[in-house]
Amino acid sequence: MQIGIDSFVATDADPVTGVAPSPAQRIADLLEEIALADEVGLDFFGIGEHHREEYLDSAPTVLLAAAAARTKRIRLTSAVTVLSAADPVRVFQEFATLDLVSQGRAEMIVGRGSFVEAFPLFGLELDDYDELFAEKLGLLLKLREHTHVQWSGSHRPALTGQGVFPRPLQNPLPVWLGVGGTPESFARAGTLGLPLMVAIIGGEPHRFKPLIDLYRQAGAQAGHAPARLRVGLHCLGYVADTNRQAADEFFPGHARAFTKIGRERGWPPVTRAHFDALLGPTGALHVGDAETVAEKILRLHRVLGGVERFGFQMSVAALPHAKLMRAIELLGTKVIPLLRQKLAAV
């Protein structure tokens, strides 16, 4: 199982001290975090894409390219690329270039995005939400298969055989499909034979088992080998030296972030009781000491019928840089060895 981190490069002030890093300092901290993740053996680092004041990830390939220059082995991915609001030609060119810069370590996770700010920003209609994504995904997959493409659609000028350059080092360039909770999205990923990245930010993750089964069934019906139908999870998580420390440090920023989002989406405010319930064995938060977190990941691996990639989303809790660095160190030196040991014993 691959273990890594997904970051939105959040800039909110520390909810305890009220201190917020400058944008330049937050970017410098991010690059240190990715370099440490590479050093301690994490498998991947992902950068999201948002167009909101509180996140600095509107240009993920720029950040990933900077990280490529400071790392040697860690895979560098988006988390996710909002393909509905982008030009697939430019997306492909940017990630192909990143692949060359990183010597074959680039990946992308594409999705429709959980926020909608990109649509008016780039002059797109929200009513075309799914149609935009389906059309652009089809073009992106053609671009990674062929240098010269004949293509026409409703939301972009046609391609009539033009060459799209550069070509990536990896062939094919890895593309994962990021999904939330709609059955259609899971079935689409399976039919296309794309690896699946499931975002789980609340509730009980075992409820995704029927949807993951649907993904695998759709993939099998489309003739894809089981080994091609890989499942990854993007989850909220944080590791500290003790369970109590991890919970107490993660809760304030988590509660503030999700209460704010809740005001936009009609969710109730986050309480400590609700947060603590999600820390239990079946809850969605992977927050605790190394042993607790490793055991919880292993449980999900069993319940969901096999998980090949697990990404920790820590940045939304507005944790200070030093605490993020300690969490990364613990992931590499404690959680990954524990997981490998437990998986080998299964």
Protein backbone atom coordinates (compact mmCIF):
# COMPACT_ATOMS: atom_id res chain seq x y z
CA MET A 1 0.00 0.00 0.00
CA GLN A 2 1.23 3.46 -0.90
CA ILE A 3 1.02 6.15 1.79
CA GLY A 4 1.24 9.87 1.11
CA ILE A 5 -0.12 13.33 1.73
CA ASP A 6 -2.60 15.53 -0.12
CA SER A 7 -2.38 19.25 0.60
CA PHE A 8 -4.56 22.22 -0.28
CA VAL A 9 -1.80 24.58 0.97
CA ALA A 10 -4.22 26.21 3.39
CA THR A 11 -3.26 29.62 4.78
CA ASP A 12 -5.72 30.02 7.65
CA ALA A 13 -4.31 31.30 10.91
CA ASP A 14 -3.46 28.83 13.64
CA PRO A 15 -6.76 28.71 15.60
CA VAL A 16 -4.84 28.54 18.88
CA THR A 17 -2.27 31.31 18.40
CA GLY A 18 -4.01 33.37 15.72
CA VAL A 19 -0.75 33.50 13.73
CA ALA A 20 -0.97 32.98 9.96
CA PRO A 21 2.02 32.50 7.66
CA SER A 22 2.48 34.86 4.75
CA PRO A 23 1.77 33.30 1.34
CA ALA A 24 5.49 33.23 0.55
CA GLN A 25 6.28 31.56 3.88
CA ARG A 26 3.51 28.99 3.43
CA ILE A 27 4.90 28.02 0.02
CA ALA A 28 8.42 27.74 1.48
CA ASP A 29 7.03 25.55 4.28
CA LEU A 30 5.19 23.38 1.76
CA LEU A 31 8.38 22.66 -0.17
CA GLU A 32 10.13 21.70 3.07
CA GLU A 33 7.26 19.36 3.88
CA ILE A 34 7.47 17.66 0.49
CA ALA A 35 11.25 17.32 0.79
CA LEU A 36 10.86 15.68 4.19
CA ALA A 37 8.14 13.36 2.86
CA ASP A 38 10.59 12.25 0.18
CA GLU A 39 13.39 11.80 2.72
CA VAL A 40 11.40 9.65 5.18
CA GLY A 41 9.94 7.37 2.51
CA LEU A 42 6.39 8.53 1.76
CA ASP A 43 5.20 7.31 -1.62
CA PHE A 44 3.46 10.41 -3.01
CA PHE A 45 2.58 14.02 -2.34
CA GLY A 46 -0.52 15.56 -3.90
CA ILE A 47 -1.50 19.22 -4.37
CA GLY A 48 -5.17 20.13 -4.77
CA GLU A 49 -6.66 22.81 -6.98
CA HIS A 50 -8.87 25.55 -5.58
CA HIS A 51 -9.60 29.14 -6.44
CA ARG A 52 -10.38 30.43 -2.96
CA GLU A 53 -8.62 32.93 -0.71
CA GLU A 54 -7.75 30.40 1.98
CA TYR A 55 -5.83 28.03 -0.33
CA LEU A 56 -2.65 28.62 -2.34
CA ASP A 57 -3.08 25.72 -4.75
CA SER A 58 -4.61 27.37 -7.82
CA ALA A 59 -1.54 26.38 -9.90
CA PRO A 60 -0.62 22.89 -8.67
CA THR A 61 1.79 21.99 -11.47
CA VAL A 62 3.94 25.01 -10.62
CA LEU A 63 4.20 23.86 -7.00
CA LEU A 64 4.84 20.25 -8.01
CA ALA A 65 7.59 21.30 -10.43
CA ALA A 66 9.28 23.25 -7.64
CA ALA A 67 8.99 20.15 -5.46
CA ALA A 68 10.45 17.97 -8.22
CA ALA A 69 13.66 19.98 -8.08
CA ARG A 70 14.00 19.24 -4.34
CA THR A 71 13.10 15.54 -4.31
CA LYS A 72 14.40 12.30 -5.79
CA ARG A 73 11.87 9.48 -5.55
CA ILE A 74 8.45 10.60 -4.26
CA ARG A 75 5.63 10.64 -6.80
CA LEU A 76 4.07 14.06 -7.44
CA THR A 77 0.38 14.31 -8.20
CA SER A 78 -2.58 16.64 -8.32
CA ALA A 79 -5.35 16.12 -5.80
CA VAL A 80 -7.47 16.90 -7.80
CA THR A 81 -7.14 18.72 -11.13
CA VAL A 82 -10.52 20.39 -11.76
CA LEU A 83 -10.74 19.16 -15.33
CA SER A 84 -14.25 20.54 -15.89
CA ALA A 85 -12.86 24.08 -15.71
CA ALA A 86 -9.62 23.48 -17.62
CA ASP A 87 -8.43 22.94 -21.17
CA PRO A 88 -7.36 19.28 -21.48
CA VAL A 89 -4.62 20.19 -23.94
CA ARG A 90 -3.00 22.56 -21.45
CA VAL A 91 -3.52 20.10 -18.59
CA PHE A 92 -1.78 17.36 -20.57
CA GLN A 93 1.10 19.65 -21.59
CA GLU A 94 1.64 20.84 -18.02
CA PHE A 95 1.72 17.35 -16.54
CA ALA A 96 3.82 15.98 -19.40
CA THR A 97 6.32 18.75 -18.68
CA LEU A 98 6.18 17.96 -14.95
CA ASP A 99 6.87 14.33 -15.82
CA LEU A 100 10.00 15.34 -17.70
CA VAL A 101 11.15 17.69 -14.93
CA SER A 102 10.64 14.97 -12.30
CA GLN A 103 12.16 12.19 -14.41
CA GLY A 104 8.94 10.20 -14.60
CA ARG A 105 7.30 10.86 -11.24
CA ALA A 106 4.22 12.86 -12.30
CA GLU A 107 0.61 11.75 -11.94
CA MET A 108 -2.73 13.48 -12.03
CA ILE A 109 -6.02 12.86 -10.30
CA VAL A 110 -8.81 14.48 -12.30
CA GLY A 111 -12.26 15.32 -11.02
CA ARG A 112 -15.10 17.79 -11.13
CA GLY A 113 -14.10 19.53 -7.90
CA SER A 114 -15.98 19.92 -4.64
CA PHE A 115 -16.20 23.73 -4.93
CA VAL A 116 -17.71 25.69 -7.82
CA GLU A 117 -15.67 28.94 -7.89
CA ALA A 118 -13.74 27.82 -10.98
CA PHE A 119 -16.84 27.84 -13.18
CA PRO A 120 -17.66 31.58 -13.13
CA LEU A 121 -13.95 32.40 -12.89
CA PHE A 122 -13.29 30.77 -16.27
CA GLY A 123 -16.62 31.69 -17.88
CA LEU A 124 -18.27 28.28 -17.63
CA GLU A 125 -21.86 27.33 -16.85
CA LEU A 126 -22.41 25.32 -13.68
CA ASP A 127 -25.37 23.65 -15.38
CA ASP A 128 -22.82 21.95 -17.67
CA TYR A 129 -21.00 20.46 -14.66
CA ASP A 130 -21.02 16.80 -15.69
CA GLU A 131 -21.14 17.29 -19.45
CA LEU A 132 -17.99 19.41 -19.28
CA PHE A 133 -16.16 16.79 -17.27
CA ALA A 134 -17.16 13.81 -19.40
CA GLU A 135 -16.17 15.55 -22.64
CA LYS A 136 -12.88 16.86 -21.34
CA LEU A 137 -11.93 13.55 -19.74
CA GLY A 138 -12.48 11.81 -23.06
CA LEU A 139 -10.18 14.30 -24.78
CA LEU A 140 -7.51 14.05 -22.08
CA LEU A 141 -7.38 10.26 -22.43
CA LYS A 142 -7.06 10.58 -26.22
CA LEU A 143 -4.21 13.05 -25.79
CA ARG A 144 -2.22 10.67 -23.63
CA GLU A 145 -2.70 7.87 -26.18
CA HIS A 146 -1.91 9.82 -29.37
CA THR A 147 0.41 12.68 -30.26
CA HIS A 148 -1.89 13.78 -33.10
CA VAL A 149 -5.61 13.77 -32.32
CA GLN A 150 -8.76 14.11 -34.38
CA TRP A 151 -11.49 15.27 -31.98
CA SER A 152 -14.57 17.47 -31.78
CA GLY A 153 -16.87 18.40 -28.93
CA SER A 154 -19.29 21.01 -27.64
CA HIS A 155 -17.09 22.96 -25.23
CA ARG A 156 -13.77 23.36 -27.02
CA PRO A 157 -12.58 24.01 -30.59
CA ALA A 158 -11.98 20.81 -32.55
CA LEU A 159 -8.59 19.20 -32.99
CA THR A 160 -7.83 18.24 -36.57
CA GLY A 161 -4.60 16.33 -36.18
CA GLN A 162 -2.42 18.94 -34.52
CA GLY A 163 0.49 17.58 -32.50
CA VAL A 164 0.37 18.01 -28.73
CA PHE A 165 3.80 18.35 -27.13
CA PRO A 166 5.81 17.57 -25.10
CA ARG A 167 5.22 13.88 -24.59
CA PRO A 168 5.78 12.57 -21.05
CA LEU A 169 8.51 10.19 -19.98
CA GLN A 170 5.92 7.74 -18.65
CA ASN A 171 3.76 6.00 -21.23
CA PRO A 172 0.98 6.25 -20.37
CA LEU A 173 1.05 9.21 -18.02
CA PRO A 174 -0.87 8.01 -14.91
CA VAL A 175 -4.38 9.44 -14.62
CA TRP A 176 -6.62 8.63 -11.64
CA LEU A 177 -10.31 9.54 -11.47
CA GLY A 178 -11.26 11.38 -8.29
CA VAL A 179 -14.82 10.76 -7.07
CA GLY A 180 -17.08 11.81 -4.22
CA GLY A 181 -20.21 9.75 -3.79
CA THR A 182 -22.26 9.39 -6.99
CA PRO A 183 -22.68 5.88 -8.44
CA GLU A 184 -22.28 7.26 -11.96
CA SER A 185 -18.77 8.48 -11.18
CA PHE A 186 -17.68 5.13 -9.77
CA ALA A 187 -19.14 3.26 -12.75
CA ARG A 188 -17.49 5.67 -15.20
CA ALA A 189 -14.06 5.06 -13.66
CA GLY A 190 -14.54 1.31 -13.90
CA THR A 191 -15.76 1.40 -17.49
CA LEU A 192 -12.74 3.49 -18.50
CA GLY A 193 -10.36 1.25 -16.57
CA LEU A 194 -8.96 4.19 -14.60
CA PRO A 195 -7.63 3.88 -11.05
CA LEU A 196 -10.10 5.32 -8.56
CA MET A 197 -9.42 7.92 -5.86
CA VAL A 198 -12.26 8.20 -3.35
CA ALA A 199 -12.56 11.36 -1.23
CA ILE A 200 -13.92 10.51 2.23
CA ILE A 201 -14.30 13.50 4.55
CA GLY A 202 -17.03 12.40 6.95
CA GLY A 203 -19.35 9.69 8.14
CA GLU A 204 -18.30 6.04 8.10
CA PRO A 205 -16.05 4.96 5.22
CA HIS A 206 -17.49 1.44 5.02
CA ARG A 207 -20.56 2.96 3.33
CA PHE A 208 -18.42 3.30 0.19
CA LYS A 209 -18.08 -0.47 -0.18
CA PRO A 210 -21.11 -0.87 -2.53
CA LEU A 211 -19.81 1.97 -4.71
CA ILE A 212 -16.32 0.48 -4.88
CA ASP A 213 -17.90 -2.87 -5.74
CA LEU A 214 -19.81 -1.09 -8.52
CA TYR A 215 -16.52 0.34 -9.82
CA ARG A 216 -14.94 -3.11 -9.93
CA GLN A 217 -18.00 -4.67 -11.54
CA ALA A 218 -18.15 -1.98 -14.23
CA GLY A 219 -14.46 -2.46 -14.90
CA ALA A 220 -14.81 -6.23 -15.22
CA GLN A 221 -17.79 -5.88 -17.54
CA ALA A 222 -15.71 -3.53 -19.73
CA GLY A 223 -12.99 -6.17 -19.94
CA HIS A 224 -10.39 -4.57 -17.69
CA ALA A 225 -8.08 -6.82 -15.66
CA PRO A 226 -8.54 -6.63 -11.85
CA ALA A 227 -4.95 -5.40 -11.45
CA ARG A 228 -5.86 -2.30 -13.46
CA LEU A 229 -8.76 -1.40 -11.15
CA ARG A 230 -6.82 0.21 -8.32
CA VAL A 231 -8.51 1.96 -5.39
CA GLY A 232 -7.08 4.86 -3.41
CA LEU A 233 -8.52 6.90 -0.56
CA HIS A 234 -8.17 10.61 0.23
CA CYS A 235 -9.00 11.04 3.93
CA LEU A 236 -8.66 13.53 6.73
CA GLY A 237 -5.86 12.44 9.03
CA TYR A 238 -3.02 13.47 11.30
CA VAL A 239 -0.40 11.63 13.35
CA ALA A 240 1.15 12.75 16.63
CA ASP A 241 2.99 11.04 19.47
CA THR A 242 -0.23 10.21 21.37
CA ASN A 243 -3.91 9.88 20.51
CA ARG A 244 -4.87 12.72 22.83
CA GLN A 245 -2.23 15.05 21.41
CA ALA A 246 -3.28 14.29 17.83
CA ALA A 247 -6.96 14.92 18.56
CA ASP A 248 -6.39 18.09 20.55
CA GLU A 249 -4.10 19.56 17.89
CA PHE A 250 -6.23 18.63 14.89
CA PHE A 251 -9.67 19.53 16.25
CA PRO A 252 -9.58 23.37 16.41
CA GLY A 253 -8.59 23.93 12.79
CA HIS A 254 -10.73 21.07 11.52
CA ALA A 255 -13.80 22.40 13.34
CA ARG A 256 -13.25 25.92 12.04
CA ALA A 257 -12.72 24.81 8.43
CA PHE A 258 -15.71 22.48 8.26
CA THR A 259 -18.00 24.81 10.15
CA LYS A 260 -17.16 27.46 7.54
CA ILE A 261 -17.84 25.06 4.68
CA GLY A 262 -20.98 23.96 6.48
CA ARG A 263 -22.36 27.49 6.41
CA GLU A 264 -22.06 27.38 2.61
CA ARG A 265 -23.60 23.92 2.27
CA GLY A 266 -26.15 23.75 5.05
CA TRP A 267 -24.22 21.49 7.44
CA PRO A 268 -24.40 21.98 11.20
CA PRO A 269 -21.38 23.38 13.08
CA VAL A 270 -18.71 20.85 14.04
CA THR A 271 -18.72 19.99 17.75
CA ARG A 272 -16.07 18.17 19.76
CA ALA A 273 -18.54 15.34 20.38
CA HIS A 274 -19.10 14.91 16.64
CA PHE A 275 -15.35 15.07 16.04
CA ASP A 276 -14.62 12.47 18.74
CA ALA A 277 -17.21 10.12 17.25
CA LEU A 278 -15.35 10.20 13.93
CA LEU A 279 -12.15 9.15 15.72
CA GLY A 280 -13.63 5.73 16.51
CA PRO A 281 -12.73 2.54 14.64
CA THR A 282 -15.39 3.05 11.96
CA GLY A 283 -15.22 6.86 11.68
CA ALA A 284 -13.73 8.88 8.83
CA LEU A 285 -10.97 10.66 10.77
CA HIS A 286 -7.56 8.96 10.79
CA VAL A 287 -6.19 10.98 13.68
CA GLY A 288 -4.08 9.47 16.44
CA ASP A 289 -0.75 7.90 17.24
CA ALA A 290 1.05 5.70 14.72
CA GLU A 291 -0.38 2.41 15.97
CA THR A 292 -3.97 3.70 16.02
CA VAL A 293 -3.74 5.21 12.56
CA ALA A 294 -2.04 2.15 11.03
CA GLU A 295 -4.67 -0.16 12.49
CA LYS A 296 -7.50 2.03 11.21
CA ILE A 297 -6.05 2.09 7.68
CA LEU A 298 -5.63 -1.67 7.79
CA ARG A 299 -9.27 -2.06 8.82
CA LEU A 300 -10.41 0.03 5.85
CA HIS A 301 -8.20 -2.03 3.55
CA ARG A 302 -10.04 -5.15 4.70
CA VAL A 303 -13.54 -3.67 4.72
CA LEU A 304 -13.28 -2.15 1.24
CA GLY A 305 -11.79 -5.20 -0.40
CA GLY A 306 -8.32 -3.80 -0.92
CA VAL A 307 -6.87 -0.29 -0.93
CA GLU A 308 -3.65 0.44 -2.82
CA ARG A 309 -3.14 4.10 -1.93
CA PHE A 310 -4.00 6.17 1.13
CA GLY A 311 -3.58 9.96 1.22
CA PHE A 312 -3.64 12.04 4.41
CA GLN A 313 -5.28 15.46 4.16
CA MET A 314 -3.83 17.48 7.05
CA SER A 315 -3.57 21.04 5.75
CA VAL A 316 -7.22 21.99 6.28
CA ALA A 317 -6.66 21.92 10.05
CA ALA A 318 -4.31 24.96 9.84
CA LEU A 319 -1.61 23.17 11.79
CA PRO A 320 1.69 25.02 12.22
CA HIS A 321 4.59 23.95 10.03
CA ALA A 322 6.51 22.28 12.87
CA LYS A 323 3.58 20.01 13.71
CA LEU A 324 3.07 19.08 10.06
CA MET A 325 6.76 18.21 9.82
CA ARG A 326 6.51 15.99 12.90
CA ALA A 327 3.44 14.26 11.45
CA ILE A 328 5.27 13.61 8.18
CA GLU A 329 8.21 12.18 10.10
CA LEU A 330 5.90 9.85 12.04
CA LEU A 331 4.17 8.72 8.85
CA GLY A 332 7.47 7.70 7.32
CA THR A 333 9.23 6.27 10.34
CA LYS A 334 6.32 4.71 12.26
CA VAL A 335 3.08 4.36 10.29
CA ILE A 336 4.50 2.95 7.04
CA PRO A 337 6.69 0.31 8.77
CA LEU A 338 3.75 -0.72 10.98
CA LEU A 339 1.43 -1.03 7.99
CA ARG A 340 3.90 -3.09 6.01
CA GLN A 341 4.42 -5.38 8.96
CA LYS A 342 0.69 -5.83 9.50
CA LEU A 343 -0.03 -6.35 5.79
CA ALA A 344 2.74 -8.95 5.51
CA ALA A 345 1.14 -10.87 8.39
CA VAL A 346 -2.30 -10.99 6.77
